[in-house]
Amino acid sequence: MYISSWRTWLFFFYVFLVMYISMKPGNDLNFFSHLWKYDKLVHFTEYLLMGFLLINALKIKPMTHSHWKYAILFLLIFPILDETLQYFTPRRIPDIYDGIADIFGGLTGAFIRERI
């Protein structure tokens, strides 16, 4: 990743956006209320984009095997931290199945970006 690249900053912005929304209390998320019936799909899609943007930022230079290891490690740990953060956020409920949807979405986005 190059810190001066727009791809890197786009990835960082998206990570901070996900964290910002995760830290919002449940009653402040009224604009998402109609999406709750599609909860797992929303989580999958949210992290699909994160995985895509992560690999997009890393592909500025040719990716090595260790780049892939760190990217996959990030895509496994970050959703767990995100769901754990929701445990401490008022009126938010962490869900292991949301974390699983996040992980599968992130890995899917990463592999899609690698292939194109």
Protein backbone atom coordinates (compact mmCIF):
# COMPACT_ATOMS: atom_id res chain seq x y z
CA MET A 1 0.00 0.00 0.00
CA TYR A 2 1.20 3.45 -0.82
CA ILE A 3 -0.02 6.10 1.59
CA SER A 4 -0.14 8.68 -1.19
CA SER A 5 -2.40 6.55 -3.39
CA TRP A 6 -6.09 7.36 -3.73
CA ARG A 7 -6.81 3.62 -3.58
CA THR A 8 -5.31 3.41 -0.11
CA TRP A 9 -7.23 6.44 1.11
CA LEU A 10 -10.46 5.09 -0.34
CA PHE A 11 -9.91 1.86 1.61
CA PHE A 12 -9.12 3.78 4.83
CA PHE A 13 -12.19 5.97 4.37
CA TYR A 14 -14.40 2.93 3.94
CA VAL A 15 -12.95 1.22 7.05
CA PHE A 16 -13.59 4.37 9.10
CA LEU A 17 -17.12 4.62 7.68
CA VAL A 18 -17.85 1.03 8.73
CA MET A 19 -16.46 1.72 12.21
CA TYR A 20 -18.47 4.96 12.50
CA ILE A 21 -21.72 3.20 11.64
CA SER A 22 -20.86 0.34 14.01
CA MET A 23 -20.41 2.77 16.89
CA LYS A 24 -23.77 4.48 16.34
CA PRO A 25 -26.39 3.53 18.96
CA GLY A 26 -29.19 1.38 17.64
CA ASN A 27 -31.84 4.10 17.86
CA ASP A 28 -29.70 6.43 15.68
CA LEU A 29 -29.90 4.00 12.76
CA ASN A 30 -33.49 4.70 11.76
CA PHE A 31 -32.48 5.12 8.11
CA PHE A 32 -31.44 1.42 8.09
CA SER A 33 -34.62 0.15 9.74
CA HIS A 34 -36.17 -1.09 6.48
CA LEU A 35 -33.04 -3.16 5.75
CA TRP A 36 -33.21 -5.39 8.85
CA LYS A 37 -35.02 -8.16 7.01
CA TYR A 38 -31.97 -8.33 4.71
CA ASP A 39 -29.47 -8.14 7.58
CA LYS A 40 -27.10 -10.90 6.47
CA LEU A 41 -27.13 -9.70 2.86
CA VAL A 42 -26.27 -6.17 4.03
CA HIS A 43 -23.37 -7.50 6.12
CA PHE A 44 -22.12 -9.66 3.25
CA THR A 45 -22.26 -6.75 0.80
CA GLU A 46 -20.65 -4.29 3.23
CA TYR A 47 -17.63 -6.54 3.66
CA LEU A 48 -17.59 -7.63 0.02
CA LEU A 49 -16.78 -4.01 -0.77
CA MET A 50 -14.20 -3.89 2.03
CA GLY A 51 -12.40 -6.97 0.72
CA PHE A 52 -12.51 -5.58 -2.81
CA LEU A 53 -11.09 -2.21 -1.70
CA LEU A 54 -8.38 -3.87 0.41
CA ILE A 55 -7.04 -5.92 -2.48
CA ASN A 56 -7.45 -2.93 -4.78
CA ALA A 57 -5.19 -0.91 -2.48
CA LEU A 58 -2.67 -3.75 -2.16
CA LYS A 59 -2.49 -4.35 -5.92
CA ILE A 60 -0.70 -1.05 -6.50
CA LYS A 61 2.40 -3.25 -6.43
CA PRO A 62 2.40 -6.94 -7.37
CA MET A 63 1.03 -8.93 -4.44
CA THR A 64 3.19 -11.48 -2.71
CA HIS A 65 2.14 -14.48 -0.67
CA SER A 66 2.67 -12.53 2.55
CA HIS A 67 0.39 -9.73 1.29
CA TRP A 68 -2.34 -12.32 0.85
CA LYS A 69 -1.74 -13.71 4.35
CA TYR A 70 -2.07 -10.27 5.95
CA ALA A 71 -5.12 -9.39 3.86
CA ILE A 72 -6.91 -12.60 4.82
CA LEU A 73 -5.91 -12.13 8.45
CA PHE A 74 -7.38 -8.61 8.37
CA LEU A 75 -10.58 -9.89 6.74
CA LEU A 76 -10.91 -12.53 9.48
CA ILE A 77 -10.12 -10.34 12.48
CA PHE A 78 -11.73 -7.01 11.58
CA PRO A 79 -15.33 -8.36 11.41
CA ILE A 80 -14.86 -9.99 14.81
CA LEU A 81 -13.64 -6.70 16.26
CA ASP A 82 -16.54 -4.90 14.58
CA GLU A 83 -19.12 -7.24 16.13
CA THR A 84 -17.35 -7.03 19.51
CA LEU A 85 -17.52 -3.24 19.35
CA GLN A 86 -21.28 -3.50 18.90
CA TYR A 87 -21.47 -5.36 22.22
CA PHE A 88 -20.34 -2.16 23.95
CA THR A 89 -22.54 0.15 21.86
CA PRO A 90 -25.94 1.05 23.35
CA ARG A 91 -28.93 -0.66 21.76
CA ARG A 92 -26.80 -2.73 19.39
CA ILE A 93 -26.72 -6.51 19.36
CA PRO A 94 -23.62 -8.38 18.21
CA ASP A 95 -24.40 -11.53 16.25
CA ILE A 96 -22.02 -14.33 15.39
CA TYR A 97 -23.90 -14.93 12.15
CA ASP A 98 -23.35 -11.30 11.16
CA GLY A 99 -19.63 -11.86 11.74
CA ILE A 100 -19.71 -14.98 9.57
CA ALA A 101 -21.51 -13.08 6.80
CA ASP A 102 -18.89 -10.32 7.15
CA ILE A 103 -16.01 -12.77 6.82
CA PHE A 104 -17.49 -14.54 3.79
CA GLY A 105 -18.29 -11.19 2.16
CA GLY A 106 -14.78 -9.86 2.74
CA LEU A 107 -13.09 -12.97 1.38
CA THR A 108 -15.43 -13.04 -1.63
CA GLY A 109 -14.69 -9.38 -2.42
CA ALA A 110 -10.95 -10.00 -2.09
CA PHE A 111 -11.01 -12.95 -4.48
CA ILE A 112 -13.23 -11.11 -6.96
CA ARG A 113 -10.75 -8.22 -7.04
CA GLU A 114 -7.85 -10.60 -7.44
CA ARG A 115 -9.47 -12.19 -10.50
CA ILE A 116 -10.23 -8.97 -12.39
